[in-house]
PDB file of N, CA and C in Angstrom:
ATOM      1  N   MET A   1     147.068  43.588 241.809  1.00  0.00           N
ATOM      2  CA  MET A   1     147.537  44.158 240.672  1.00  0.00           C
ATOM      3  C   MET A   1     149.378  44.519 241.634  1.00  0.00           C
ATOM      4  N   ASP A   2     149.199  44.692 243.605  1.00  0.00           N
ATOM      5  CA  ASP A   2     149.893  45.266 244.040  1.00  0.00           C
ATOM      6  C   ASP A   2     150.738  43.430 244.371  1.00  0.00           C
ATOM      7  N   THR A   3     150.130  42.400 243.873  1.00  0.00           N
ATOM      8  CA  THR A   3     150.704  40.633 244.394  1.00  0.00           C
ATOM      9  C   THR A   3     151.873  41.108 242.876  1.00  0.00           C
ATOM     10  N   VAL A   4     151.659  41.388 241.900  1.00  0.00           N
ATOM     11  CA  VAL A   4     152.098  41.383 240.390  1.00  0.00           C
ATOM     12  C   VAL A   4     152.934  42.202 240.992  1.00  0.00           C
ATOM     13  N   ARG A   5     153.278  43.389 241.561  1.00  0.00           N
ATOM     14  CA  ARG A   5     154.464  44.461 241.467  1.00  0.00           C
ATOM     15  C   ARG A   5     155.015  44.206 242.397  1.00  0.00           C
ATOM     16  N   GLU A   6     154.624  42.825 243.537  1.00  0.00           N
ATOM     17  CA  GLU A   6     155.496  42.561 244.561  1.00  0.00           C
ATOM     18  C   GLU A   6     156.293  41.758 244.321  1.00  0.00           C
ATOM     19  N   VAL A   7     156.037  41.186 242.804  1.00  0.00           N
ATOM     20  CA  VAL A   7     156.640  39.740 243.062  1.00  0.00           C
ATOM     21  C   VAL A   7     157.418  39.937 241.269  1.00  0.00           C
ATOM     22  N   ALA A   8     157.323  40.878 240.699  1.00  0.00           N
ATOM     23  CA  ALA A   8     157.361  41.674 240.103  1.00  0.00           C
ATOM     24  C   ALA A   8     159.227  42.725 241.049  1.00  0.00           C
ATOM     25  N   GLU A   9     159.318  43.072 241.780  1.00  0.00           N
ATOM     26  CA  GLU A   9     160.356  43.791 242.212  1.00  0.00           C
ATOM     27  C   GLU A   9     161.241  42.450 242.739  1.00  0.00           C
ATOM     28  N   GLU A  10     160.535  41.542 243.981  1.00  0.00           N
ATOM     29  CA  GLU A  10     161.677  40.724 244.312  1.00  0.00           C
ATOM     30  C   GLU A  10     161.911  39.933 243.193  1.00  0.00           C
ATOM     31  N   GLY A  11     161.556  39.781 242.054  1.00  0.00           N
ATOM     32  CA  GLY A  11     162.423  38.908 240.855  1.00  0.00           C
ATOM     33  C   GLY A  11     163.011  40.026 240.588  1.00  0.00           C
ATOM     34  N   LYS A  12     163.484  41.191 240.676  1.00  0.00           N
ATOM     35  CA  LYS A  12     165.028  42.049 240.525  1.00  0.00           C
ATOM     36  C   LYS A  12     165.211  41.860 241.513  1.00  0.00           C
ATOM     37  N   ARG A  13     165.003  41.745 242.063  1.00  0.00           N
ATOM     38  CA  ARG A  13     165.759  41.666 243.401  1.00  0.00           C
ATOM     39  C   ARG A  13     166.883  40.403 243.301  1.00  0.00           C
ATOM     40  N   LEU A  14     166.376  39.165 243.053  1.00  0.00           N
ATOM     41  CA  LEU A  14     166.958  37.735 243.009  1.00  0.00           C
ATOM     42  C   LEU A  14     167.288  38.256 241.482  1.00  0.00           C
ATOM     43  N   ILE A  15     167.540  38.903 240.921  1.00  0.00           N
ATOM     44  CA  ILE A  15     168.317  38.452 239.248  1.00  0.00           C
ATOM     45  C   ILE A  15     169.386  39.152 239.472  1.00  0.00           C
ATOM     46  N   ASP A  16     169.423  39.972 240.909  1.00  0.00           N
ATOM     47  CA  ASP A  16     170.989  41.547 241.004  1.00  0.00           C
ATOM     48  C   ASP A  16     171.717  39.739 241.537  1.00  0.00           C
ATOM     49  N   ARG A  17     170.500  39.658 242.961  1.00  0.00           N
ATOM     50  CA  ARG A  17     171.672  38.357 244.059  1.00  0.00           C
ATOM     51  C   ARG A  17     172.245  37.447 243.055  1.00  0.00           C
ATOM     52  N   ALA A  18     171.490  36.765 242.278  1.00  0.00           N
ATOM     53  CA  ALA A  18     171.877  35.647 241.144  1.00  0.00           C
ATOM     54  C   ALA A  18     173.372  36.543 240.306  1.00  0.00           C
ATOM     55  N   TRP A  19     172.948  37.538 240.026  1.00  0.00           N
ATOM     56  CA  TRP A  19     174.076  38.235 239.318  1.00  0.00           C
ATOM     57  C   TRP A  19     175.530  38.911 239.765  1.00  0.00           C
ATOM     58  N   LEU A  20     175.262  39.370 241.222  1.00  0.00           N
ATOM     59  CA  LEU A  20     176.166  39.631 242.115  1.00  0.00           C
ATOM     60  C   LEU A  20     177.113  38.104 242.860  1.00  0.00           C
ATOM     61  N   GLY A  21     176.068  36.469 242.896  1.00  0.00           N
ATOM     62  CA  GLY A  21     177.193  35.700 243.716  1.00  0.00           C
ATOM     63  C   GLY A  21     176.380  35.389 243.984  1.00  0.00           C
ATOM     64  N   GLU A  22     175.264  35.884 244.833  1.00  0.00           N
ATOM     65  CA  GLU A  22     175.172  35.515 246.350  1.00  0.00           C
ATOM     66  C   GLU A  22     174.437  34.683 246.658  1.00  0.00           C
ATOM     67  N   LEU A  23     173.096  34.119 245.259  1.00  0.00           N
ATOM     68  CA  LEU A  23     172.473  33.070 245.326  1.00  0.00           C
ATOM     69  C   LEU A  23     173.301  32.715 243.445  1.00  0.00           C
ATOM     70  N   SER A  24     172.697  31.269 243.541  1.00  0.00           N
ATOM     71  CA  SER A  24     173.143  30.018 242.514  1.00  0.00           C
ATOM     72  C   SER A  24     171.570  29.980 241.083  1.00  0.00           C
ATOM     73  N   ARG A  25     172.046  29.949 240.393  1.00  0.00           N
ATOM     74  CA  ARG A  25     170.534  30.255 239.255  1.00  0.00           C
ATOM     75  C   ARG A  25     169.456  29.341 239.741  1.00  0.00           C
ATOM     76  N   ASP A  26     169.837  28.130 240.282  1.00  0.00           N
ATOM     77  CA  ASP A  26     168.451  27.223 240.735  1.00  0.00           C
ATOM     78  C   ASP A  26     167.939  28.530 241.907  1.00  0.00           C
ATOM     79  N   GLU A  27     168.211  28.497 243.016  1.00  0.00           N
ATOM     80  CA  GLU A  27     168.201  29.245 243.935  1.00  0.00           C
ATOM     81  C   GLU A  27     167.160  29.691 244.003  1.00  0.00           C
ATOM     82  N   ALA A  28     167.429  31.303 243.164  1.00  0.00           N
ATOM     83  CA  ALA A  28     167.583  32.497 242.040  1.00  0.00           C
ATOM     84  C   ALA A  28     165.693  31.660 241.294  1.00  0.00           C
ATOM     85  N   VAL A  29     165.599  31.027 240.771  1.00  0.00           N
ATOM     86  CA  VAL A  29     164.879  30.757 239.839  1.00  0.00           C
ATOM     87  C   VAL A  29     163.658  29.852 240.680  1.00  0.00           C
ATOM     88  N   HIS A  30     164.095  29.076 241.848  1.00  0.00           N
ATOM     89  CA  HIS A  30     163.545  28.906 242.697  1.00  0.00           C
ATOM     90  C   HIS A  30     162.825  29.760 243.752  1.00  0.00           C
ATOM     91  N   ARG A  31     163.514  30.699 245.197  1.00  0.00           N
ATOM     92  CA  ARG A  31     162.629  31.528 245.374  1.00  0.00           C
ATOM     93  C   ARG A  31     161.448  32.360 244.078  1.00  0.00           C
ATOM     94  N   PHE A  32     161.946  32.043 242.754  1.00  0.00           N
ATOM     95  CA  PHE A  32     161.045  33.421 241.887  1.00  0.00           C
ATOM     96  C   PHE A  32     160.071  32.573 241.990  1.00  0.00           C
ATOM     97  N   ILE A  33     159.353  31.212 241.562  1.00  0.00           N
ATOM     98  CA  ILE A  33     158.864  30.533 242.030  1.00  0.00           C
ATOM     99  C   ILE A  33     157.462  30.574 243.263  1.00  0.00           C
ATOM    100  N   GLN A  34     158.792  29.778 244.482  1.00  0.00           N
ATOM    101  CA  GLN A  34     158.018  30.335 245.657  1.00  0.00           C
ATOM    102  C   GLN A  34     157.297  31.574 245.490  1.00  0.00           C
ATOM    103  N   VAL A  35     157.877  32.800 245.721  1.00  0.00           N
ATOM    104  CA  VAL A  35     157.371  33.983 245.618  1.00  0.00           C
ATOM    105  C   VAL A  35     156.446  34.433 244.862  1.00  0.00           C
ATOM    106  N   GLY A  36     156.536  34.264 243.426  1.00  0.00           N
ATOM    107  CA  GLY A  36     155.012  34.169 242.455  1.00  0.00           C
ATOM    108  C   GLY A  36     153.911  32.934 243.351  1.00  0.00           C
ATOM    109  N   ASP A  37     153.927  32.034 243.150  1.00  0.00           N
ATOM    110  CA  ASP A  37     152.912  31.132 244.317  1.00  0.00           C
ATOM    111  C   ASP A  37     152.105  31.135 243.432  1.00  0.00           C
ATOM    112  N   GLY A  38     152.563  30.987 242.463  1.00  0.00           N
ATOM    113  CA  GLY A  38     152.024  29.445 241.103  1.00  0.00           C
ATOM    114  C   GLY A  38     151.828  30.992 240.428  1.00  0.00           C
ATOM    115  N   MET A  39     151.904  32.118 239.985  1.00  0.00           N
ATOM    116  CA  MET A  39     152.329  32.762 239.105  1.00  0.00           C
ATOM    117  C   MET A  39     152.481  32.857 238.186  1.00  0.00           C
ATOM    118  N   VAL A  40     154.072  32.457 238.775  1.00  0.00           N
ATOM    119  CA  VAL A  40     154.982  32.193 237.245  1.00  0.00           C
ATOM    120  C   VAL A  40     155.067  30.680 237.723  1.00  0.00           C
ATOM    121  N   CYS A  41     155.250  30.042 235.911  1.00  0.00           N
ATOM    122  CA  CYS A  41     155.853  28.647 236.181  1.00  0.00           C
ATOM    123  C   CYS A  41     157.229  28.337 235.634  1.00  0.00           C
ATOM    124  N   PRO A  42     158.015  27.716 236.023  1.00  0.00           N
ATOM    125  CA  PRO A  42     159.429  27.283 236.143  1.00  0.00           C
ATOM    126  C   PRO A  42     160.580  27.607 235.059  1.00  0.00           C
ATOM    127  N   VAL A  43     159.630  27.196 233.593  1.00  0.00           N
ATOM    128  CA  VAL A  43     160.297  27.872 232.555  1.00  0.00           C
ATOM    129  C   VAL A  43     160.328  28.600 232.208  1.00  0.00           C
ATOM    130  N   THR A  44     159.251  30.088 232.067  1.00  0.00           N
ATOM    131  CA  THR A  44     159.259  31.683 232.475  1.00  0.00           C
ATOM    132  C   THR A  44     160.128  31.870 233.569  1.00  0.00           C
ATOM    133  N   ALA A  45     159.843  31.254 235.075  1.00  0.00           N
ATOM    134  CA  ALA A  45     161.015  31.448 235.839  1.00  0.00           C
ATOM    135  C   ALA A  45     162.028  31.881 235.269  1.00  0.00           C
ATOM    136  N   ARG A  46     162.924  30.781 235.178  1.00  0.00           N
ATOM    137  CA  ARG A  46     164.625  30.418 234.689  1.00  0.00           C
ATOM    138  C   ARG A  46     164.643  31.629 233.648  1.00  0.00           C
ATOM    139  N   GLU A  47     163.947  31.557 232.353  1.00  0.00           N
ATOM    140  CA  GLU A  47     163.801  32.238 231.278  1.00  0.00           C
ATOM    141  C   GLU A  47     164.579  34.389 231.824  1.00  0.00           C
ATOM    142  N   ILE A  48     163.209  34.399 232.569  1.00  0.00           N
ATOM    143  CA  ILE A  48     163.993  36.110 234.053  1.00  0.00           C
ATOM    144  C   ILE A  48     164.582  36.361 234.046  1.00  0.00           C
ATOM    145  N   ILE A  49     164.981  35.257 234.930  1.00  0.00           N
ATOM    146  CA  ILE A  49     166.580  35.350 235.805  1.00  0.00           C
ATOM    147  C   ILE A  49     167.217  34.977 235.127  1.00  0.00           C
ATOM    148  N   ASP A  50     167.793  34.220 233.782  1.00  0.00           N
ATOM    149  CA  ASP A  50     168.703  34.585 232.734  1.00  0.00           C
ATOM    150  C   ASP A  50     168.898  35.940 232.252  1.00  0.00           C
ATOM    151  N   ASP A  51     167.562  36.211 231.470  1.00  0.00           N
ATOM    152  CA  ASP A  51     168.056  37.077 230.723  1.00  0.00           C
ATOM    153  C   ASP A  51     168.053  38.316 231.662  1.00  0.00           C
ATOM    154  N   GLY A  52     167.596  38.282 232.842  1.00  0.00           N
ATOM    155  CA  GLY A  52     167.978  39.628 233.734  1.00  0.00           C
ATOM    156  C   GLY A  52     169.899  39.939 233.934  1.00  0.00           C
ATOM    157  N   VAL A  53     170.407  38.317 234.325  1.00  0.00           N
ATOM    158  CA  VAL A  53     171.487  37.954 234.601  1.00  0.00           C
ATOM    159  C   VAL A  53     172.660  38.485 233.515  1.00  0.00           C
ATOM    160  N   ARG A  54     171.746  38.360 232.241  1.00  0.00           N
ATOM    161  CA  ARG A  54     173.275  38.455 230.714  1.00  0.00           C
ATOM    162  C   ARG A  54     171.765  40.289 230.468  1.00  0.00           C
ATOM    163  N   TRP A  55     171.438  40.340 231.276  1.00  0.00           N
ATOM    164  CA  TRP A  55     171.180  41.916 230.688  1.00  0.00           C
ATOM    165  C   TRP A  55     172.299  42.340 231.642  1.00  0.00           C
ATOM    166  N   LEU A  56     172.191  42.184 233.117  1.00  0.00           N
ATOM    167  CA  LEU A  56     172.900  42.802 233.665  1.00  0.00           C
ATOM    168  C   LEU A  56     174.994  42.636 233.406  1.00  0.00           C
ATOM    169  N   ASP A  57     175.251  41.637 232.756  1.00  0.00           N
ATOM    170  CA  ASP A  57     176.538  41.539 232.695  1.00  0.00           C
ATOM    171  C   ASP A  57     176.951  42.672 231.185  1.00  0.00           C
ATOM    172  N   SER A  58     176.064  42.347 229.982  1.00  0.00           N
ATOM    173  CA  SER A  58     176.176  43.197 229.144  1.00  0.00           C
ATOM    174  C   SER A  58     176.007  44.802 229.449  1.00  0.00           C
ATOM    175  N   ASN A  59     176.069  45.254 230.203  1.00  0.00           N
ATOM    176  CA  ASN A  59     175.412  46.357 230.896  1.00  0.00           C
ATOM    177  C   ASN A  59     176.433  46.976 231.877  1.00  0.00           C
ATOM    178  N   ALA A  60     176.693  46.154 232.173  1.00  0.00           N
ATOM    179  CA  ALA A  60     177.327  46.758 234.331  1.00  0.00           C
ATOM    180  C   ALA A  60     178.465  47.832 233.550  1.00  0.00           C
ATOM    181  N   THR A  61     179.516  47.643 233.014  1.00  0.00           N
ATOM    182  CA  THR A  61     180.839  48.357 232.748  1.00  0.00           C
ATOM    183  C   THR A  61     179.976  49.963 232.613  1.00  0.00           C
ATOM    184  N   ARG A  62     178.936  49.681 231.618  1.00  0.00           N
ATOM    185  CA  ARG A  62     178.246  51.088 231.425  1.00  0.00           C
ATOM    186  C   ARG A  62     177.375  51.802 232.263  1.00  0.00           C
ATOM    187  N   LEU A  63     176.908  50.496 233.273  1.00  0.00           N
ATOM    188  CA  LEU A  63     176.450  51.314 234.153  1.00  0.00           C
ATOM    189  C   LEU A  63     177.407  52.206 235.139  1.00  0.00           C
ATOM    190  N   ARG A  64     178.401  51.460 235.046  1.00  0.00           N
ATOM    191  CA  ARG A  64     179.510  51.784 236.404  1.00  0.00           C
ATOM    192  C   ARG A  64     179.806  53.126 236.057  1.00  0.00           C
ATOM    193  N   ILE A  65     180.292  53.351 235.303  1.00  0.00           N
ATOM    194  CA  ILE A  65     180.588  54.971 234.635  1.00  0.00           C
ATOM    195  C   ILE A  65     180.387  55.544 234.462  1.00  0.00           C
ATOM    196  N   LEU A  66     179.394  55.513 233.925  1.00  0.00           N
ATOM    197  CA  LEU A  66     177.858  56.346 234.198  1.00  0.00           C
ATOM    198  C   LEU A  66     177.362  56.838 235.879  1.00  0.00           C
ATOM    199  N   GLY A  67     177.178  55.997 236.150  1.00  0.00           N
ATOM    200  CA  GLY A  67     177.454  56.400 237.635  1.00  0.00           C
ATOM    201  C   GLY A  67     178.412  57.282 238.402  1.00  0.00           C
ATOM    202  N   TRP A  68     179.423  56.749 237.990  1.00  0.00           N
ATOM    203  CA  TRP A  68     180.887  57.917 238.241  1.00  0.00           C
ATOM    204  C   TRP A  68     180.419  59.332 237.998  1.00  0.00           C
ATOM    205  N   CYS A  69     180.112  58.837 236.774  1.00  0.00           N
ATOM    206  CA  CYS A  69     180.154  60.784 235.708  1.00  0.00           C
ATOM    207  C   CYS A  69     178.879  61.026 236.585  1.00  0.00           C
ATOM    208  N   ALA A  70     177.992  60.661 236.512  1.00  0.00           N
ATOM    209  CA  ALA A  70     176.339  61.409 237.431  1.00  0.00           C
ATOM    210  C   ALA A  70     177.381  62.062 238.749  1.00  0.00           C
ATOM    211  N   LEU A  71     177.962  61.125 239.501  1.00  0.00           N
ATOM    212  CA  LEU A  71     178.208  61.320 240.563  1.00  0.00           C
ATOM    213  C   LEU A  71     179.385  62.989 240.957  1.00  0.00           C
ATOM    214  N   LEU A  72     179.974  62.455 239.860  1.00  0.00           N
ATOM    215  CA  LEU A  72     181.311  63.667 239.641  1.00  0.00           C
ATOM    216  C   LEU A  72     181.330  65.325 238.875  1.00  0.00           C
ATOM    217  N   GLU A  73     179.415  64.686 237.812  1.00  0.00           N
ATOM    218  CA  GLU A  73     180.058  66.004 236.960  1.00  0.00           C
ATOM    219  C   GLU A  73     179.609  67.064 237.692  1.00  0.00           C
ATOM    220  N   LEU A  74     178.235  66.878 238.188  1.00  0.00           N
ATOM    221  CA  LEU A  74     177.144  67.895 238.681  1.00  0.00           C
ATOM    222  C   LEU A  74     177.963  68.824 240.098  1.00  0.00           C
ATOM    223  N   PRO A  75     178.775  68.097 241.594  1.00  0.00           N
ATOM    224  CA  PRO A  75     179.875  69.428 242.004  1.00  0.00           C
ATOM    225  C   PRO A  75     180.651  69.591 240.910  1.00  0.00           C
ATOM    226  N   LEU A  76     181.010  69.499 240.437  1.00  0.00           N
ATOM    227  CA  LEU A  76     182.362  69.945 239.145  1.00  0.00           C
ATOM    228  C   LEU A  76     182.009  70.888 238.847  1.00  0.00           C
ATOM    229  N   PHE A  77     181.479  70.809 237.458  1.00  0.00           N
ATOM    230  CA  PHE A  77     180.689  71.800 236.395  1.00  0.00           C
ATOM    231  C   PHE A  77     180.217  72.723 237.288  1.00  0.00           C
ATOM    232  N   GLY A  78     178.885  72.417 238.606  1.00  0.00           N
ATOM    233  CA  GLY A  78     178.493  73.206 238.990  1.00  0.00           C
ATOM    234  C   GLY A  78     179.377  73.943 240.269  1.00  0.00           C
ATOM    235  N   GLY A  79     180.294  72.937 240.760  1.00  0.00           N
ATOM    236  CA  GLY A  79     181.702  74.720 241.489  1.00  0.00           C
ATOM    237  C   GLY A  79     182.006  75.473 240.509  1.00  0.00           C
ATOM    238  N   PHE A  80     182.813  74.443 240.040  1.00  0.00           N
ATOM    239  CA  PHE A  80     182.816  75.713 238.428  1.00  0.00           C
ATOM    240  C   PHE A  80     182.539  77.128 237.839  1.00  0.00           C
ATOM    241  N   ALA A  81     180.849  76.684 238.489  1.00  0.00           N
ATOM    242  CA  ALA A  81     179.793  78.170 237.673  1.00  0.00           C
ATOM    243  C   ALA A  81     180.000  78.915 238.533  1.00  0.00           C
ATOM    244  N   ILE A  82     179.405  77.858 239.919  1.00  0.00           N
ATOM    245  CA  ILE A  82     178.866  79.168 240.828  1.00  0.00           C
ATOM    246  C   ILE A  82     180.737  80.229 241.406  1.00  0.00           C
ATOM    247  N   LEU A  83     181.827  79.215 241.079  1.00  0.00           N
ATOM    248  CA  LEU A  83     183.039  80.419 241.252  1.00  0.00           C
ATOM    249  C   LEU A  83     183.717  80.845 240.393  1.00  0.00           C
ATOM    250  N   ALA A  84     183.010  81.155 239.295  1.00  0.00           N
ATOM    251  CA  ALA A  84     182.975  81.716 238.454  1.00  0.00           C
ATOM    252  C   ALA A  84     182.032  82.873 238.031  1.00  0.00           C
ATOM    253  N   VAL A  85     180.934  82.921 239.239  1.00  0.00           N
ATOM    254  CA  VAL A  85     179.841  83.503 239.023  1.00  0.00           C
ATOM    255  C   VAL A  85     180.333  84.796 240.127  1.00  0.00           C
ATOM    256  N   LEU A  86     181.364  84.127 240.781  1.00  0.00           N
ATOM    257  CA  LEU A  86     181.699  84.691 242.281  1.00  0.00           C
ATOM    258  C   LEU A  86     182.658  85.259 242.101  1.00  0.00           C
ATOM    259  N   LEU A  87     183.750  85.620 241.181  1.00  0.00           N
ATOM    260  CA  LEU A  87     184.629  85.867 240.258  1.00  0.00           C
ATOM    261  C   LEU A  87     184.730  86.910 239.280  1.00  0.00           C
ATOM    262  N   GLY A  88     183.002  86.956 238.717  1.00  0.00           N
ATOM    263  CA  GLY A  88     182.636  87.757 237.632  1.00  0.00           C
ATOM    264  C   GLY A  88     182.822  87.403 236.404  1.00  0.00           C
ATOM    265  N   ASP A  89     183.285  86.115 236.264  1.00  0.00           N
ATOM    266  CA  ASP A  89     184.048  85.587 234.635  1.00  0.00           C
ATOM    267  C   ASP A  89     182.193  85.383 234.191  1.00  0.00           C
ATOM    268  N   PHE A  90     181.603  85.436 233.675  1.00  0.00           N
ATOM    269  CA  PHE A  90     180.276  84.877 233.670  1.00  0.00           C
ATOM    270  C   PHE A  90     180.457  84.748 231.907  1.00  0.00           C
ATOM    271  N   LEU A  91     181.471  84.543 231.337  1.00  0.00           N
ATOM    272  CA  LEU A  91     181.899  83.643 229.580  1.00  0.00           C
ATOM    273  C   LEU A  91     181.984  81.568 230.498  1.00  0.00           C
ATOM    274  N   THR A  92     182.885  82.019 231.382  1.00  0.00           N
ATOM    275  CA  THR A  92     183.304  80.701 232.199  1.00  0.00           C
ATOM    276  C   THR A  92     182.217  79.884 232.454  1.00  0.00           C
ATOM    277  N   ALA A  93     181.485  80.712 233.356  1.00  0.00           N
ATOM    278  CA  ALA A  93     179.826  79.922 233.886  1.00  0.00           C
ATOM    279  C   ALA A  93     179.171  79.534 233.495  1.00  0.00           C
ATOM    280  N   THR A  94     179.091  80.149 231.919  1.00  0.00           N
ATOM    281  CA  THR A  94     177.971  80.215 230.920  1.00  0.00           C
ATOM    282  C   THR A  94     179.064  78.595 230.252  1.00  0.00           C
ATOM    283  N   LEU A  95     179.660  78.357 229.491  1.00  0.00           N
ATOM    284  CA  LEU A  95     180.509  77.326 229.500  1.00  0.00           C
ATOM    285  C   LEU A  95     180.458  76.306 230.346  1.00  0.00           C
ATOM    286  N   SER A  96     180.672  76.585 231.432  1.00  0.00           N
ATOM    287  CA  SER A  96     180.738  75.658 232.148  1.00  0.00           C
ATOM    288  C   SER A  96     179.089  74.944 232.364  1.00  0.00           C
ATOM    289  N   MET A  97     178.102  75.903 232.530  1.00  0.00           N
ATOM    290  CA  MET A  97     176.447  75.039 232.597  1.00  0.00           C
ATOM    291  C   MET A  97     176.737  74.838 231.075  1.00  0.00           C
ATOM    292  N   LEU A  98     177.359  74.850 230.373  1.00  0.00           N
ATOM    293  CA  LEU A  98     176.701  74.155 228.955  1.00  0.00           C
ATOM    294  C   LEU A  98     177.214  72.872 228.601  1.00  0.00           C
ATOM    295  N   LEU A  99     177.961  72.566 229.133  1.00  0.00           N
ATOM    296  CA  LEU A  99     179.350  71.281 229.310  1.00  0.00           C
ATOM    297  C   LEU A  99     178.673  71.071 229.863  1.00  0.00           C
ATOM    298  N   LEU A 100     177.721  71.055 231.520  1.00  0.00           N
ATOM    299  CA  LEU A 100     177.202  70.054 232.237  1.00  0.00           C
ATOM    300  C   LEU A 100     175.756  69.250 231.554  1.00  0.00           C
ATOM    301  N   VAL A 101     175.264  70.752 230.887  1.00  0.00           N
ATOM    302  CA  VAL A 101     173.782  70.295 229.971  1.00  0.00           C
ATOM    303  C   VAL A 101     174.163  69.060 228.847  1.00  0.00           C
ATOM    304  N   ALA A 102     174.924  69.508 228.241  1.00  0.00           N
ATOM    305  CA  ALA A 102     175.866  68.463 227.231  1.00  0.00           C
ATOM    306  C   ALA A 102     176.019  67.170 227.702  1.00  0.00           C
ATOM    307  N   LEU A 103     176.662  66.967 228.489  1.00  0.00           N
ATOM    308  CA  LEU A 103     177.230  65.669 229.190  1.00  0.00           C
ATOM    309  C   LEU A 103     175.834  64.816 229.845  1.00  0.00           C
ATOM    310  N   GLN A 104     175.069  65.742 230.624  1.00  0.00           N
ATOM    311  CA  GLN A 104     173.411  65.232 231.055  1.00  0.00           C
ATOM    312  C   GLN A 104     172.736  64.758 229.664  1.00  0.00           C
ATOM    313  N   LEU A 105     173.367  65.315 228.531  1.00  0.00           N
ATOM    314  CA  LEU A 105     172.296  64.631 227.068  1.00  0.00           C
ATOM    315  C   LEU A 105     173.131  63.792 226.693  1.00  0.00           C
ATOM    316  N   ILE A 106     174.605  63.511 226.751  1.00  0.00           N
ATOM    317  CA  ILE A 106     174.706  62.232 226.266  1.00  0.00           C
ATOM    318  C   ILE A 106     174.748  60.915 227.088  1.00  0.00           C
ATOM    319  N   HIS A 107     174.612  61.440 228.591  1.00  0.00           N
ATOM    320  CA  HIS A 107     174.152  60.403 229.958  1.00  0.00           C
ATOM    321  C   HIS A 107     173.105  59.433 229.042  1.00  0.00           C
ATOM    322  N   ARG A 108     172.042  60.542 228.716  1.00  0.00           N
ATOM    323  CA  ARG A 108     170.702  60.064 228.279  1.00  0.00           C
ATOM    324  C   ARG A 108     171.149  58.882 226.947  1.00  0.00           C
ATOM    325  N   LYS A 109     171.869  59.365 225.766  1.00  0.00           N
ATOM    326  CA  LYS A 109     171.911  58.643 225.114  1.00  0.00           C
ATOM    327  C   LYS A 109     172.830  57.323 225.327  1.00  0.00           C
ATOM    328  N   LEU A 110     174.035  57.832 226.095  1.00  0.00           N
ATOM    329  CA  LEU A 110     173.937  56.186 226.425  1.00  0.00           C
ATOM    330  C   LEU A 110     173.786  55.325 227.240  1.00  0.00           C
ATOM    331  N   MET A 111     172.869  55.759 228.053  1.00  0.00           N
ATOM    332  CA  MET A 111     172.201  54.985 228.812  1.00  0.00           C
ATOM    333  C   MET A 111     171.469  53.181 228.539  1.00  0.00           C
ATOM    334  N   PRO A 112     171.850  52.815 228.801  1.00  0.00           N
ATOM    335  CA  PRO A 112     171.304  50.976 228.021  1.00  0.00           C
ATOM    336  C   PRO A 112     169.927  51.636 228.070  1.00  0.00           C
ATOM    337  N   HIS A 113     169.521  50.785 226.857  1.00  0.00           N
ATOM    338  CA  HIS A 113     167.447  50.961 226.727  1.00  0.00           C
ATOM    339  C   HIS A 113     167.470  49.593 227.026  1.00  0.00           C
ATOM    340  N   PRO A 114     165.628  48.838 227.647  1.00  0.00           N
ATOM    341  CA  PRO A 114     165.715  47.791 228.388  1.00  0.00           C
ATOM    342  C   PRO A 114     165.474  46.863 227.061  1.00  0.00           C
ATOM    343  N   THR A 115     165.497  45.631 227.440  1.00  0.00           N
ATOM    344  CA  THR A 115     165.934  45.248 226.600  1.00  0.00           C
ATOM    345  C   THR A 115     164.141  45.115 226.203  1.00  0.00           C
ATOM    346  N   PRO A 116     163.811  44.820 225.309  1.00  0.00           N
ATOM    347  CA  PRO A 116     162.445  45.013 223.940  1.00  0.00           C
ATOM    348  C   PRO A 116     161.586  43.402 224.413  1.00  0.00           C
ATOM    349  N   VAL A 117     160.354  43.389 224.749  1.00  0.00           N
ATOM    350  CA  VAL A 117     159.963  42.291 225.227  1.00  0.00           C
ATOM    351  C   VAL A 117     158.376  41.882 223.825  1.00  0.00           C
ATOM    352  N   ARG A 118     158.879  40.148 223.348  1.00  0.00           N
ATOM    353  CA  ARG A 118     158.032  40.096 222.744  1.00  0.00           C
ATOM    354  C   ARG A 118     156.652  40.304 222.812  1.00  0.00           C
ATOM    355  N   LYS A 119     156.256  40.767 222.261  1.00  0.00           N
ATOM    356  CA  LYS A 119     154.097  40.409 222.983  1.00  0.00           C
ATOM    357  C   LYS A 119     153.919  39.672 222.309  1.00  0.00           C
ATOM    358  N   VAL A 120     152.856  39.061 223.019  1.00  0.00           N
ATOM    359  CA  VAL A 120     152.211  37.489 222.657  1.00  0.00           C
ATOM    360  C   VAL A 120     151.001  38.222 222.231  1.00  0.00           C
ATOM    361  N   ARG A 121     150.646  37.511 221.073  1.00  0.00           N
ATOM    362  CA  ARG A 121     149.673  37.695 220.431  1.00  0.00           C
ATOM    363  C   ARG A 121     148.268  36.788 221.085  1.00  0.00           C
ATOM    364  N   ARG A 122     147.202  37.289 221.863  1.00  0.00           N
ATOM    365  CA  ARG A 122     146.478  36.154 222.335  1.00  0.00           C
ATOM    366  C   ARG A 122     144.932  36.000 221.230  1.00  0.00           C
ATOM    367  N   VAL A 123     145.336  35.118 220.916  1.00  0.00           N
ATOM    368  CA  VAL A 123     143.208  34.665 219.389  1.00  0.00           C
ATOM    369  C   VAL A 123     142.788  34.736 220.501  1.00  0.00           C
ATOM    370  N   ARG A 124     141.338  35.096 220.400  1.00  0.00           N
ATOM    371  CA  ARG A 124     139.951  35.061 221.359  1.00  0.00           C
ATOM    372  C   ARG A 124     138.961  34.122 220.481  1.00  0.00           C
ATOM    373  N   HIS A 125     138.310  33.376 220.772  1.00  0.00           N
ATOM    374  CA  HIS A 125     137.648  32.354 219.473  1.00  0.00           C
ATOM    375  C   HIS A 125     136.265  33.093 220.270  1.00  0.00           C
TER     376      HIS A 125
END
């Protein structure tokens, strides 16, 4: 099981590097096949790399915006809440915390969902 996990993690790294342009598609596929050491056939490796790069292309802007929002909103609204409590303005603190919770819920809705994978039905004879 550890081998499968290692191959999957290396596949993710190769997809990232192919999307960033550090590797060509063929290089990424070739390295994925080498890392898989017989576990991944060339056709499957091509499909995995292509699907991963396509998913990153379609969700890159959304992920970048969500990353910046997640980085900035906690210090900003948390700072407002702490400052409001220190100044005795509990209404502002409550509104700040409610807005922070609302933004966290919105982020969960905006996160890209994983691409659905078709399950292969295996027929046993």
